[in-house]
Amino acid sequence: MAKHRIYTTSFASVYPHSVAKAEKKGRTKTEVDQIICWLTGYDEKGLQTQLEQKTDFETFFAEAPKLNPLRILIKGMVCGVRVEDIEEPTMREIRYLDKLIDEVARGKAMDRILPKI
């Protein structure tokens, strides 16, 4: 079975749309970066490197320094699908990110968006 197109899409090509979505609701690029770093373990330099290299989504998540173990607490719907029900690991990671970006764009406080113990 062929991989979904998003796997080979450059993370850098989607990133500006995520930032614009958040900024349209009065949020900042810094908050988007905070979410990405929380989820993946990239630091600012590592994130910037991935953007400059135009890394695809599959590689972006495969090379993530340390996927946050609390990401499994992210629940809800993205594109009509419950993120917790997605079985394919890479697609689930992509949808976790989508869900977090949606939450910041909705105006939720950062301490309510990022799961804690």
PDB file of N, CA and C in Angstrom:
ATOM      1  N   MET A   1       0.832  -1.170   0.000  1.00  0.00           N
ATOM      2  CA  MET A   1       0.000   0.000   0.000  1.00  0.00           C
ATOM      3  C   MET A   1       0.891   1.253   0.000  1.00  0.00           C
ATOM      4  N   ALA A   2       0.552   2.229  -0.805  1.00  0.00           N
ATOM      5  CA  ALA A   2       1.339   3.462  -0.915  1.00  0.00           C
ATOM      6  C   ALA A   2       1.188   4.310   0.344  1.00  0.00           C
ATOM      7  N   LYS A   3       2.256   5.003   0.671  1.00  0.00           N
ATOM      8  CA  LYS A   3       2.231   5.893   1.830  1.00  0.00           C
ATOM      9  C   LYS A   3       1.366   7.105   1.513  1.00  0.00           C
ATOM     10  N   HIS A   4       0.806   7.671   2.551  1.00  0.00           N
ATOM     11  CA  HIS A   4       0.031   8.899   2.409  1.00  0.00           C
ATOM     12  C   HIS A   4       0.969  10.010   1.940  1.00  0.00           C
ATOM     13  N   ARG A   5       0.470  10.923   1.152  1.00  0.00           N
ATOM     14  CA  ARG A   5       1.241  12.019   0.576  1.00  0.00           C
ATOM     15  C   ARG A   5       1.907  12.895   1.644  1.00  0.00           C
ATOM     16  N   ILE A   6       1.285  13.027   2.800  1.00  0.00           N
ATOM     17  CA  ILE A   6       1.834  13.893   3.851  1.00  0.00           C
ATOM     18  C   ILE A   6       3.210  13.408   4.320  1.00  0.00           C
ATOM     19  N   TYR A   7       3.467  12.106   4.235  1.00  0.00           N
ATOM     20  CA  TYR A   7       4.740  11.560   4.703  1.00  0.00           C
ATOM     21  C   TYR A   7       5.918  12.142   3.935  1.00  0.00           C
ATOM     22  N   THR A   8       5.728  12.390   2.654  1.00  0.00           N
ATOM     23  CA  THR A   8       6.811  12.901   1.815  1.00  0.00           C
ATOM     24  C   THR A   8       6.750  14.420   1.634  1.00  0.00           C
ATOM     25  N   THR A   9       5.768  15.044   2.268  1.00  0.00           N
ATOM     26  CA  THR A   9       5.644  16.497   2.217  1.00  0.00           C
ATOM     27  C   THR A   9       6.672  17.116   3.158  1.00  0.00           C
ATOM     28  N   SER A  10       7.293  18.164   2.715  1.00  0.00           N
ATOM     29  CA  SER A  10       8.277  18.870   3.532  1.00  0.00           C
ATOM     30  C   SER A  10       7.596  19.509   4.740  1.00  0.00           C
ATOM     31  N   PHE A  11       8.163  19.250   5.911  1.00  0.00           N
ATOM     32  CA  PHE A  11       7.650  19.885   7.123  1.00  0.00           C
ATOM     33  C   PHE A  11       7.727  21.403   6.978  1.00  0.00           C
ATOM     34  N   ALA A  12       8.789  21.888   6.341  1.00  0.00           N
ATOM     35  CA  ALA A  12       8.992  23.328   6.145  1.00  0.00           C
ATOM     36  C   ALA A  12       7.897  23.953   5.287  1.00  0.00           C
ATOM     37  N   SER A  13       7.273  23.177   4.426  1.00  0.00           N
ATOM     38  CA  SER A  13       6.215  23.728   3.575  1.00  0.00           C
ATOM     39  C   SER A  13       4.902  23.904   4.344  1.00  0.00           C
ATOM     40  N   VAL A  14       4.714  23.163   5.418  1.00  0.00           N
ATOM     41  CA  VAL A  14       3.495  23.231   6.215  1.00  0.00           C
ATOM     42  C   VAL A  14       3.669  24.180   7.407  1.00  0.00           C
ATOM     43  N   TYR A  15       4.878  24.277   7.904  1.00  0.00           N
ATOM     44  CA  TYR A  15       5.188  25.092   9.085  1.00  0.00           C
ATOM     45  C   TYR A  15       4.653  26.522   8.986  1.00  0.00           C
ATOM     46  N   PRO A  16       4.873  27.243   7.881  1.00  0.00           N
ATOM     47  CA  PRO A  16       4.358  28.622   7.813  1.00  0.00           C
ATOM     48  C   PRO A  16       2.837  28.697   7.938  1.00  0.00           C
ATOM     49  N   HIS A  17       2.143  27.684   7.456  1.00  0.00           N
ATOM     50  CA  HIS A  17       0.681  27.646   7.568  1.00  0.00           C
ATOM     51  C   HIS A  17       0.257  27.464   9.023  1.00  0.00           C
ATOM     52  N   SER A  18       1.008  26.655   9.758  1.00  0.00           N
ATOM     53  CA  SER A  18       0.719  26.465  11.180  1.00  0.00           C
ATOM     54  C   SER A  18       0.933  27.770  11.942  1.00  0.00           C
ATOM     55  N   VAL A  19       2.021  28.454  11.633  1.00  0.00           N
ATOM     56  CA  VAL A  19       2.311  29.728  12.289  1.00  0.00           C
ATOM     57  C   VAL A  19       1.233  30.749  11.928  1.00  0.00           C
ATOM     58  N   ALA A  20       0.869  30.821  10.655  1.00  0.00           N
ATOM     59  CA  ALA A  20      -0.153  31.783  10.215  1.00  0.00           C
ATOM     60  C   ALA A  20      -1.493  31.507  10.885  1.00  0.00           C
ATOM     61  N   LYS A  21      -1.838  30.239  11.025  1.00  0.00           N
ATOM     62  CA  LYS A  21      -3.091  29.850  11.677  1.00  0.00           C
ATOM     63  C   LYS A  21      -3.118  30.355  13.120  1.00  0.00           C
ATOM     64  N   ALA A  22      -2.007  30.184  13.811  1.00  0.00           N
ATOM     65  CA  ALA A  22      -1.913  30.639  15.199  1.00  0.00           C
ATOM     66  C   ALA A  22      -1.916  32.162  15.273  1.00  0.00           C
ATOM     67  N   GLU A  23      -1.149  32.815  14.400  1.00  0.00           N
ATOM     68  CA  GLU A  23      -1.049  34.274  14.435  1.00  0.00           C
ATOM     69  C   GLU A  23      -2.377  34.946  14.087  1.00  0.00           C
ATOM     70  N   LYS A  24      -3.149  34.306  13.243  1.00  0.00           N
ATOM     71  CA  LYS A  24      -4.463  34.855  12.886  1.00  0.00           C
ATOM     72  C   LYS A  24      -5.359  34.956  14.118  1.00  0.00           C
ATOM     73  N   LYS A  25      -5.099  34.122  15.102  1.00  0.00           N
ATOM     74  CA  LYS A  25      -5.877  34.120  16.347  1.00  0.00           C
ATOM     75  C   LYS A  25      -5.151  34.827  17.487  1.00  0.00           C
ATOM     76  N   GLY A  26      -4.127  35.619  17.135  1.00  0.00           N
ATOM     77  CA  GLY A  26      -3.431  36.393  18.153  1.00  0.00           C
ATOM     78  C   GLY A  26      -2.355  35.643  18.903  1.00  0.00           C
ATOM     79  N   ARG A  27      -1.972  34.487  18.419  1.00  0.00           N
ATOM     80  CA  ARG A  27      -0.901  33.715  19.057  1.00  0.00           C
ATOM     81  C   ARG A  27       0.409  33.986  18.329  1.00  0.00           C
ATOM     82  N   THR A  28       1.499  33.378  18.778  1.00  0.00           N
ATOM     83  CA  THR A  28       2.808  33.712  18.230  1.00  0.00           C
ATOM     84  C   THR A  28       3.530  32.499  17.639  1.00  0.00           C
ATOM     85  N   LYS A  29       4.521  32.801  16.809  1.00  0.00           N
ATOM     86  CA  LYS A  29       5.407  31.773  16.249  1.00  0.00           C
ATOM     87  C   LYS A  29       6.126  31.061  17.393  1.00  0.00           C
ATOM     88  N   THR A  30       6.491  31.811  18.427  1.00  0.00           N
ATOM     89  CA  THR A  30       7.174  31.230  19.584  1.00  0.00           C
ATOM     90  C   THR A  30       6.319  30.148  20.233  1.00  0.00           C
ATOM     91  N   GLU A  31       5.018  30.380  20.324  1.00  0.00           N
ATOM     92  CA  GLU A  31       4.122  29.379  20.912  1.00  0.00           C
ATOM     93  C   GLU A  31       4.029  28.141  20.025  1.00  0.00           C
ATOM     94  N   VAL A  32       3.995  28.342  18.720  1.00  0.00           N
ATOM     95  CA  VAL A  32       3.981  27.195  17.796  1.00  0.00           C
ATOM     96  C   VAL A  32       5.276  26.401  17.953  1.00  0.00           C
ATOM     97  N   ASP A  33       6.404  27.099  18.002  1.00  0.00           N
ATOM     98  CA  ASP A  33       7.688  26.427  18.189  1.00  0.00           C
ATOM     99  C   ASP A  33       7.733  25.681  19.521  1.00  0.00           C
ATOM    100  N   GLN A  34       7.167  26.278  20.559  1.00  0.00           N
ATOM    101  CA  GLN A  34       7.135  25.629  21.878  1.00  0.00           C
ATOM    102  C   GLN A  34       6.372  24.304  21.797  1.00  0.00           C
ATOM    103  N   ILE A  35       5.269  24.317  21.089  1.00  0.00           N
ATOM    104  CA  ILE A  35       4.476  23.094  20.924  1.00  0.00           C
ATOM    105  C   ILE A  35       5.267  22.033  20.178  1.00  0.00           C
ATOM    106  N   ILE A  36       5.904  22.431  19.083  1.00  0.00           N
ATOM    107  CA  ILE A  36       6.670  21.478  18.279  1.00  0.00           C
ATOM    108  C   ILE A  36       7.819  20.901  19.099  1.00  0.00           C
ATOM    109  N   CYS A  37       8.518  21.758  19.823  1.00  0.00           N
ATOM    110  CA  CYS A  37       9.646  21.297  20.642  1.00  0.00           C
ATOM    111  C   CYS A  37       9.179  20.398  21.785  1.00  0.00           C
ATOM    112  N   TRP A  38       8.056  20.735  22.395  1.00  0.00           N
ATOM    113  CA  TRP A  38       7.497  19.898  23.468  1.00  0.00           C
ATOM    114  C   TRP A  38       7.175  18.508  22.928  1.00  0.00           C
ATOM    115  N   LEU A  39       6.563  18.454  21.757  1.00  0.00           N
ATOM    116  CA  LEU A  39       6.127  17.181  21.179  1.00  0.00           C
ATOM    117  C   LEU A  39       7.305  16.323  20.732  1.00  0.00           C
ATOM    118  N   THR A  40       8.301  16.934  20.107  1.00  0.00           N
ATOM    119  CA  THR A  40       9.353  16.176  19.429  1.00  0.00           C
ATOM    120  C   THR A  40      10.686  16.097  20.159  1.00  0.00           C
ATOM    121  N   GLY A  41      10.934  17.023  21.065  1.00  0.00           N
ATOM    122  CA  GLY A  41      12.231  17.060  21.726  1.00  0.00           C
ATOM    123  C   GLY A  41      13.271  17.880  20.976  1.00  0.00           C
ATOM    124  N   TYR A  42      12.919  18.409  19.804  1.00  0.00           N
ATOM    125  CA  TYR A  42      13.856  19.306  19.122  1.00  0.00           C
ATOM    126  C   TYR A  42      14.029  20.563  19.965  1.00  0.00           C
ATOM    127  N   ASP A  43      15.233  21.121  19.954  1.00  0.00           N
ATOM    128  CA  ASP A  43      15.422  22.446  20.522  1.00  0.00           C
ATOM    129  C   ASP A  43      15.262  23.437  19.360  1.00  0.00           C
ATOM    130  N   GLU A  44      15.374  24.730  19.656  1.00  0.00           N
ATOM    131  CA  GLU A  44      15.172  25.742  18.601  1.00  0.00           C
ATOM    132  C   GLU A  44      16.142  25.541  17.439  1.00  0.00           C
ATOM    133  N   LYS A  45      17.388  25.254  17.750  1.00  0.00           N
ATOM    134  CA  LYS A  45      18.394  25.051  16.701  1.00  0.00           C
ATOM    135  C   LYS A  45      18.064  23.822  15.860  1.00  0.00           C
ATOM    136  N   GLY A  46      17.687  22.750  16.518  1.00  0.00           N
ATOM    137  CA  GLY A  46      17.339  21.519  15.800  1.00  0.00           C
ATOM    138  C   GLY A  46      16.115  21.702  14.921  1.00  0.00           C
ATOM    139  N   LEU A  47      15.130  22.420  15.435  1.00  0.00           N
ATOM    140  CA  LEU A  47      13.930  22.709  14.654  1.00  0.00           C
ATOM    141  C   LEU A  47      14.296  23.534  13.430  1.00  0.00           C
ATOM    142  N   GLN A  48      15.115  24.557  13.634  1.00  0.00           N
ATOM    143  CA  GLN A  48      15.538  25.410  12.514  1.00  0.00           C
ATOM    144  C   GLN A  48      16.296  24.599  11.462  1.00  0.00           C
ATOM    145  N   THR A  49      17.139  23.680  11.904  1.00  0.00           N
ATOM    146  CA  THR A  49      17.885  22.821  10.977  1.00  0.00           C
ATOM    147  C   THR A  49      16.932  21.980  10.136  1.00  0.00           C
ATOM    148  N   GLN A  50      15.923  21.404  10.786  1.00  0.00           N
ATOM    149  CA  GLN A  50      14.950  20.590  10.048  1.00  0.00           C
ATOM    150  C   GLN A  50      14.203  21.430   9.011  1.00  0.00           C
ATOM    151  N   LEU A  51      13.873  22.660   9.375  1.00  0.00           N
ATOM    152  CA  LEU A  51      13.188  23.551   8.438  1.00  0.00           C
ATOM    153  C   LEU A  51      14.096  23.905   7.260  1.00  0.00           C
ATOM    154  N   GLU A  52      15.349  24.220   7.543  1.00  0.00           N
ATOM    155  CA  GLU A  52      16.302  24.579   6.479  1.00  0.00           C
ATOM    156  C   GLU A  52      16.567  23.408   5.539  1.00  0.00           C
ATOM    157  N   GLN A  53      16.589  22.201   6.072  1.00  0.00           N
ATOM    158  CA  GLN A  53      16.851  21.013   5.256  1.00  0.00           C
ATOM    159  C   GLN A  53      15.607  20.541   4.504  1.00  0.00           C
ATOM    160  N   LYS A  54      14.482  21.176   4.790  1.00  0.00           N
ATOM    161  CA  LYS A  54      13.209  20.801   4.157  1.00  0.00           C
ATOM    162  C   LYS A  54      12.907  19.306   4.332  1.00  0.00           C
ATOM    163  N   THR A  55      13.121  18.867   5.558  1.00  0.00           N
ATOM    164  CA  THR A  55      12.892  17.469   5.930  1.00  0.00           C
ATOM    165  C   THR A  55      11.425  17.106   5.750  1.00  0.00           C
ATOM    166  N   ASP A  56      11.167  15.905   5.227  1.00  0.00           N
ATOM    167  CA  ASP A  56       9.771  15.466   5.083  1.00  0.00           C
ATOM    168  C   ASP A  56       9.226  15.050   6.446  1.00  0.00           C
ATOM    169  N   PHE A  57       7.905  14.956   6.542  1.00  0.00           N
ATOM    170  CA  PHE A  57       7.265  14.652   7.827  1.00  0.00           C
ATOM    171  C   PHE A  57       7.723  13.316   8.402  1.00  0.00           C
ATOM    172  N   GLU A  58       7.844  12.310   7.561  1.00  0.00           N
ATOM    173  CA  GLU A  58       8.243  10.999   8.059  1.00  0.00           C
ATOM    174  C   GLU A  58       9.629  11.066   8.711  1.00  0.00           C
ATOM    175  N   THR A  59      10.560  11.724   8.063  1.00  0.00           N
ATOM    176  CA  THR A  59      11.914  11.865   8.599  1.00  0.00           C
ATOM    177  C   THR A  59      11.922  12.783   9.812  1.00  0.00           C
ATOM    178  N   PHE A  60      11.138  13.856   9.759  1.00  0.00           N
ATOM    179  CA  PHE A  60      11.056  14.798  10.871  1.00  0.00           C
ATOM    180  C   PHE A  60      10.717  14.075  12.169  1.00  0.00           C
ATOM    181  N   PHE A  61       9.724  13.206  12.116  1.00  0.00           N
ATOM    182  CA  PHE A  61       9.338  12.481  13.333  1.00  0.00           C
ATOM    183  C   PHE A  61      10.286  11.321  13.630  1.00  0.00           C
ATOM    184  N   ALA A  62      10.801  10.677  12.598  1.00  0.00           N
ATOM    185  CA  ALA A  62      11.737   9.564  12.820  1.00  0.00           C
ATOM    186  C   ALA A  62      13.028  10.049  13.476  1.00  0.00           C
ATOM    187  N   GLU A  63      13.460  11.259  13.145  1.00  0.00           N
ATOM    188  CA  GLU A  63      14.697  11.807  13.691  1.00  0.00           C
ATOM    189  C   GLU A  63      14.477  12.654  14.949  1.00  0.00           C
ATOM    190  N   ALA A  64      13.248  12.750  15.405  1.00  0.00           N
ATOM    191  CA  ALA A  64      12.950  13.566  16.594  1.00  0.00           C
ATOM    192  C   ALA A  64      13.809  13.070  17.755  1.00  0.00           C
ATOM    193  N   PRO A  65      14.472  13.994  18.439  1.00  0.00           N
ATOM    194  CA  PRO A  65      15.375  13.607  19.530  1.00  0.00           C
ATOM    195  C   PRO A  65      14.699  12.800  20.639  1.00  0.00           C
ATOM    196  N   LYS A  66      13.499  13.213  21.046  1.00  0.00           N
ATOM    197  CA  LYS A  66      12.808  12.492  22.124  1.00  0.00           C
ATOM    198  C   LYS A  66      11.332  12.856  22.077  1.00  0.00           C
ATOM    199  N   LEU A  67      10.550  11.984  21.473  1.00  0.00           N
ATOM    200  CA  LEU A  67       9.110  12.226  21.443  1.00  0.00           C
ATOM    201  C   LEU A  67       8.596  12.236  22.881  1.00  0.00           C
ATOM    202  N   ASN A  68       7.820  13.240  23.201  1.00  0.00           N
ATOM    203  CA  ASN A  68       7.334  13.412  24.569  1.00  0.00           C
ATOM    204  C   ASN A  68       6.411  12.249  24.950  1.00  0.00           C
ATOM    205  N   PRO A  69       6.732  11.539  26.029  1.00  0.00           N
ATOM    206  CA  PRO A  69       5.893  10.407  26.426  1.00  0.00           C
ATOM    207  C   PRO A  69       4.468  10.821  26.814  1.00  0.00           C
ATOM    208  N   LEU A  70       4.272  12.084  27.175  1.00  0.00           N
ATOM    209  CA  LEU A  70       2.935  12.554  27.554  1.00  0.00           C
ATOM    210  C   LEU A  70       2.040  12.818  26.340  1.00  0.00           C
ATOM    211  N   ARG A  71       2.593  12.700  25.134  1.00  0.00           N
ATOM    212  CA  ARG A  71       1.796  12.955  23.940  1.00  0.00           C
ATOM    213  C   ARG A  71       0.624  11.987  23.827  1.00  0.00           C
ATOM    214  N   ILE A  72       0.739  10.825  24.440  1.00  0.00           N
ATOM    215  CA  ILE A  72      -0.359   9.846  24.366  1.00  0.00           C
ATOM    216  C   ILE A  72      -1.605  10.332  25.106  1.00  0.00           C
ATOM    217  N   LEU A  73      -1.450  11.394  25.914  1.00  0.00           N
ATOM    218  CA  LEU A  73      -2.594  11.966  26.623  1.00  0.00           C
ATOM    219  C   LEU A  73      -3.401  12.922  25.740  1.00  0.00           C
ATOM    220  N   ILE A  74      -2.880  13.222  24.545  1.00  0.00           N
ATOM    221  CA  ILE A  74      -3.587  14.114  23.621  1.00  0.00           C
ATOM    222  C   ILE A  74      -4.783  13.360  23.062  1.00  0.00           C
ATOM    223  N   LYS A  75      -5.943  13.931  23.240  1.00  0.00           N
ATOM    224  CA  LYS A  75      -7.190  13.294  22.798  1.00  0.00           C
ATOM    225  C   LYS A  75      -7.979  14.286  21.955  1.00  0.00           C
ATOM    226  N   GLY A  76      -8.878  13.768  21.159  1.00  0.00           N
ATOM    227  CA  GLY A  76      -9.766  14.641  20.409  1.00  0.00           C
ATOM    228  C   GLY A  76      -9.798  14.316  18.927  1.00  0.00           C
ATOM    229  N   MET A  77     -10.544  15.144  18.217  1.00  0.00           N
ATOM    230  CA  MET A  77     -10.772  14.926  16.791  1.00  0.00           C
ATOM    231  C   MET A  77      -9.907  15.864  15.951  1.00  0.00           C
ATOM    232  N   VAL A  78      -9.353  15.309  14.880  1.00  0.00           N
ATOM    233  CA  VAL A  78      -8.641  16.079  13.861  1.00  0.00           C
ATOM    234  C   VAL A  78      -9.066  15.496  12.526  1.00  0.00           C
ATOM    235  N   CYS A  79      -9.585  16.357  11.673  1.00  0.00           N
ATOM    236  CA  CYS A  79     -10.048  15.915  10.348  1.00  0.00           C
ATOM    237  C   CYS A  79     -11.070  14.779  10.462  1.00  0.00           C
ATOM    238  N   GLY A  80     -11.909  14.843  11.478  1.00  0.00           N
ATOM    239  CA  GLY A  80     -12.967  13.858  11.645  1.00  0.00           C
ATOM    240  C   GLY A  80     -12.525  12.517  12.197  1.00  0.00           C
ATOM    241  N   VAL A  81     -11.285  12.442  12.658  1.00  0.00           N
ATOM    242  CA  VAL A  81     -10.750  11.180  13.190  1.00  0.00           C
ATOM    243  C   VAL A  81     -10.220  11.436  14.596  1.00  0.00           C
ATOM    244  N   ARG A  82     -10.501  10.516  15.508  1.00  0.00           N
ATOM    245  CA  ARG A  82      -9.960  10.622  16.866  1.00  0.00           C
ATOM    246  C   ARG A  82      -8.477  10.290  16.830  1.00  0.00           C
ATOM    247  N   VAL A  83      -7.654  11.207  17.331  1.00  0.00           N
ATOM    248  CA  VAL A  83      -6.202  10.990  17.284  1.00  0.00           C
ATOM    249  C   VAL A  83      -5.793   9.748  18.059  1.00  0.00           C
ATOM    250  N   GLU A  84      -6.472   9.468  19.139  1.00  0.00           N
ATOM    251  CA  GLU A  84      -6.108   8.299  19.949  1.00  0.00           C
ATOM    252  C   GLU A  84      -6.452   6.971  19.267  1.00  0.00           C
ATOM    253  N   ASP A  85      -7.248   7.012  18.204  1.00  0.00           N
ATOM    254  CA  ASP A  85      -7.619   5.790  17.479  1.00  0.00           C
ATOM    255  C   ASP A  85      -6.752   5.524  16.254  1.00  0.00           C
ATOM    256  N   ILE A  86      -5.855   6.431  15.915  1.00  0.00           N
ATOM    257  CA  ILE A  86      -4.998   6.255  14.737  1.00  0.00           C
ATOM    258  C   ILE A  86      -3.925   5.228  15.069  1.00  0.00           C
ATOM    259  N   GLU A  87      -3.882   4.164  14.279  1.00  0.00           N
ATOM    260  CA  GLU A  87      -2.962   3.071  14.570  1.00  0.00           C
ATOM    261  C   GLU A  87      -1.576   3.268  13.971  1.00  0.00           C
ATOM    262  N   GLU A  88      -1.488   3.873  12.794  1.00  0.00           N
ATOM    263  CA  GLU A  88      -0.198   4.044  12.125  1.00  0.00           C
ATOM    264  C   GLU A  88       0.621   5.084  12.895  1.00  0.00           C
ATOM    265  N   PRO A  89       1.782   4.709  13.402  1.00  0.00           N
ATOM    266  CA  PRO A  89       2.545   5.584  14.304  1.00  0.00           C
ATOM    267  C   PRO A  89       2.900   6.967  13.736  1.00  0.00           C
ATOM    268  N   THR A  90       3.381   7.039  12.515  1.00  0.00           N
ATOM    269  CA  THR A  90       3.779   8.341  11.964  1.00  0.00           C
ATOM    270  C   THR A  90       2.563   9.232  11.762  1.00  0.00           C
ATOM    271  N   MET A  91       1.487   8.681  11.270  1.00  0.00           N
ATOM    272  CA  MET A  91       0.269   9.470  11.077  1.00  0.00           C
ATOM    273  C   MET A  91      -0.258   9.959  12.424  1.00  0.00           C
ATOM    274  N   ARG A  92      -0.157   9.133  13.451  1.00  0.00           N
ATOM    275  CA  ARG A  92      -0.603   9.537  14.781  1.00  0.00           C
ATOM    276  C   ARG A  92       0.231  10.726  15.274  1.00  0.00           C
ATOM    277  N   GLU A  93       1.550  10.701  15.051  1.00  0.00           N
ATOM    278  CA  GLU A  93       2.412  11.815  15.458  1.00  0.00           C
ATOM    279  C   GLU A  93       2.026  13.094  14.709  1.00  0.00           C
ATOM    280  N   ILE A  94       1.765  12.977  13.425  1.00  0.00           N
ATOM    281  CA  ILE A  94       1.358  14.133  12.619  1.00  0.00           C
ATOM    282  C   ILE A  94       0.051  14.704  13.151  1.00  0.00           C
ATOM    283  N   ARG A  95      -0.877  13.849  13.483  1.00  0.00           N
ATOM    284  CA  ARG A  95      -2.178  14.301  13.992  1.00  0.00           C
ATOM    285  C   ARG A  95      -2.080  14.866  15.404  1.00  0.00           C
ATOM    286  N   TYR A  96      -1.164  14.346  16.217  1.00  0.00           N
ATOM    287  CA  TYR A  96      -0.924  14.963  17.524  1.00  0.00           C
ATOM    288  C   TYR A  96      -0.513  16.421  17.314  1.00  0.00           C
ATOM    289  N   LEU A  97       0.407  16.640  16.393  1.00  0.00           N
ATOM    290  CA  LEU A  97       0.855  17.997  16.103  1.00  0.00           C
ATOM    291  C   LEU A  97      -0.298  18.851  15.597  1.00  0.00           C
ATOM    292  N   ASP A  98      -1.093  18.314  14.680  1.00  0.00           N
ATOM    293  CA  ASP A  98      -2.268  19.041  14.171  1.00  0.00           C
ATOM    294  C   ASP A  98      -3.189  19.456  15.314  1.00  0.00           C
ATOM    295  N   LYS A  99      -3.441  18.532  16.216  1.00  0.00           N
ATOM    296  CA  LYS A  99      -4.350  18.794  17.330  1.00  0.00           C
ATOM    297  C   LYS A  99      -3.809  19.909  18.230  1.00  0.00           C
ATOM    298  N   LEU A 100      -2.519  19.868  18.525  1.00  0.00           N
ATOM    299  CA  LEU A 100      -1.926  20.897  19.377  1.00  0.00           C
ATOM    300  C   LEU A 100      -1.970  22.268  18.701  1.00  0.00           C
ATOM    301  N   ILE A 101      -1.697  22.307  17.411  1.00  0.00           N
ATOM    302  CA  ILE A 101      -1.760  23.579  16.669  1.00  0.00           C
ATOM    303  C   ILE A 101      -3.194  24.100  16.661  1.00  0.00           C
ATOM    304  N   ASP A 102      -4.160  23.212  16.465  1.00  0.00           N
ATOM    305  CA  ASP A 102      -5.570  23.619  16.509  1.00  0.00           C
ATOM    306  C   ASP A 102      -5.917  24.232  17.863  1.00  0.00           C
ATOM    307  N   GLU A 103      -5.430  23.620  18.929  1.00  0.00           N
ATOM    308  CA  GLU A 103      -5.736  24.105  20.273  1.00  0.00           C
ATOM    309  C   GLU A 103      -5.145  25.494  20.519  1.00  0.00           C
ATOM    310  N   VAL A 104      -3.913  25.716  20.094  1.00  0.00           N
ATOM    311  CA  VAL A 104      -3.315  27.041  20.286  1.00  0.00           C
ATOM    312  C   VAL A 104      -4.052  28.071  19.431  1.00  0.00           C
ATOM    313  N   ALA A 105      -4.474  27.676  18.240  1.00  0.00           N
ATOM    314  CA  ALA A 105      -5.212  28.595  17.361  1.00  0.00           C
ATOM    315  C   ALA A 105      -6.599  28.917  17.921  1.00  0.00           C
ATOM    316  N   ARG A 106      -7.119  28.037  18.746  1.00  0.00           N
ATOM    317  CA  ARG A 106      -8.428  28.297  19.375  1.00  0.00           C
ATOM    318  C   ARG A 106      -8.310  29.233  20.569  1.00  0.00           C
ATOM    319  N   GLY A 107      -7.085  29.547  20.943  1.00  0.00           N
ATOM    320  CA  GLY A 107      -6.893  30.501  22.026  1.00  0.00           C
ATOM    321  C   GLY A 107      -6.715  29.886  23.393  1.00  0.00           C
ATOM    322  N   LYS A 108      -6.583  28.566  23.465  1.00  0.00           N
ATOM    323  CA  LYS A 108      -6.370  27.932  24.772  1.00  0.00           C
ATOM    324  C   LYS A 108      -5.024  28.341  25.347  1.00  0.00           C
ATOM    325  N   ALA A 109      -4.959  28.427  26.638  1.00  0.00           N
ATOM    326  CA  ALA A 109      -3.711  28.753  27.324  1.00  0.00           C
ATOM    327  C   ALA A 109      -2.720  27.603  27.148  1.00  0.00           C
ATOM    328  N   MET A 110      -1.447  27.946  27.022  1.00  0.00           N
ATOM    329  CA  MET A 110      -0.419  26.928  26.785  1.00  0.00           C
ATOM    330  C   MET A 110      -0.407  25.868  27.883  1.00  0.00           C
ATOM    331  N   ASP A 111      -0.630  26.257  29.136  1.00  0.00           N
ATOM    332  CA  ASP A 111      -0.616  25.265  30.216  1.00  0.00           C
ATOM    333  C   ASP A 111      -1.808  24.317  30.152  1.00  0.00           C
ATOM    334  N   ARG A 112      -2.824  24.657  29.358  1.00  0.00           N
ATOM    335  CA  ARG A 112      -3.969  23.764  29.176  1.00  0.00           C
ATOM    336  C   ARG A 112      -3.822  22.917  27.927  1.00  0.00           C
ATOM    337  N   ILE A 113      -2.941  23.325  27.018  1.00  0.00           N
ATOM    338  CA  ILE A 113      -2.750  22.612  25.753  1.00  0.00           C
ATOM    339  C   ILE A 113      -1.807  21.427  25.931  1.00  0.00           C
ATOM    340  N   LEU A 114      -0.678  21.670  26.579  1.00  0.00           N
ATOM    341  CA  LEU A 114       0.361  20.634  26.704  1.00  0.00           C
ATOM    342  C   LEU A 114       0.083  19.772  27.925  1.00  0.00           C
ATOM    343  N   PRO A 115      -0.179  18.464  27.694  1.00  0.00           N
ATOM    344  CA  PRO A 115      -0.481  17.564  28.816  1.00  0.00           C
ATOM    345  C   PRO A 115       0.649  17.523  29.842  1.00  0.00           C
ATOM    346  N   LYS A 116       0.242  17.377  31.081  1.00  0.00           N
ATOM    347  CA  LYS A 116       1.206  17.260  32.184  1.00  0.00           C
ATOM    348  C   LYS A 116       0.859  16.018  33.001  1.00  0.00           C
ATOM    349  N   ILE A 117       1.812  15.623  33.815  1.00  0.00           N
ATOM    350  CA  ILE A 117       1.567  14.473  34.699  1.00  0.00           C
ATOM    351  C   ILE A 117       0.610  14.903  35.789  1.00  0.00           C
TER     352      ILE A 117
END
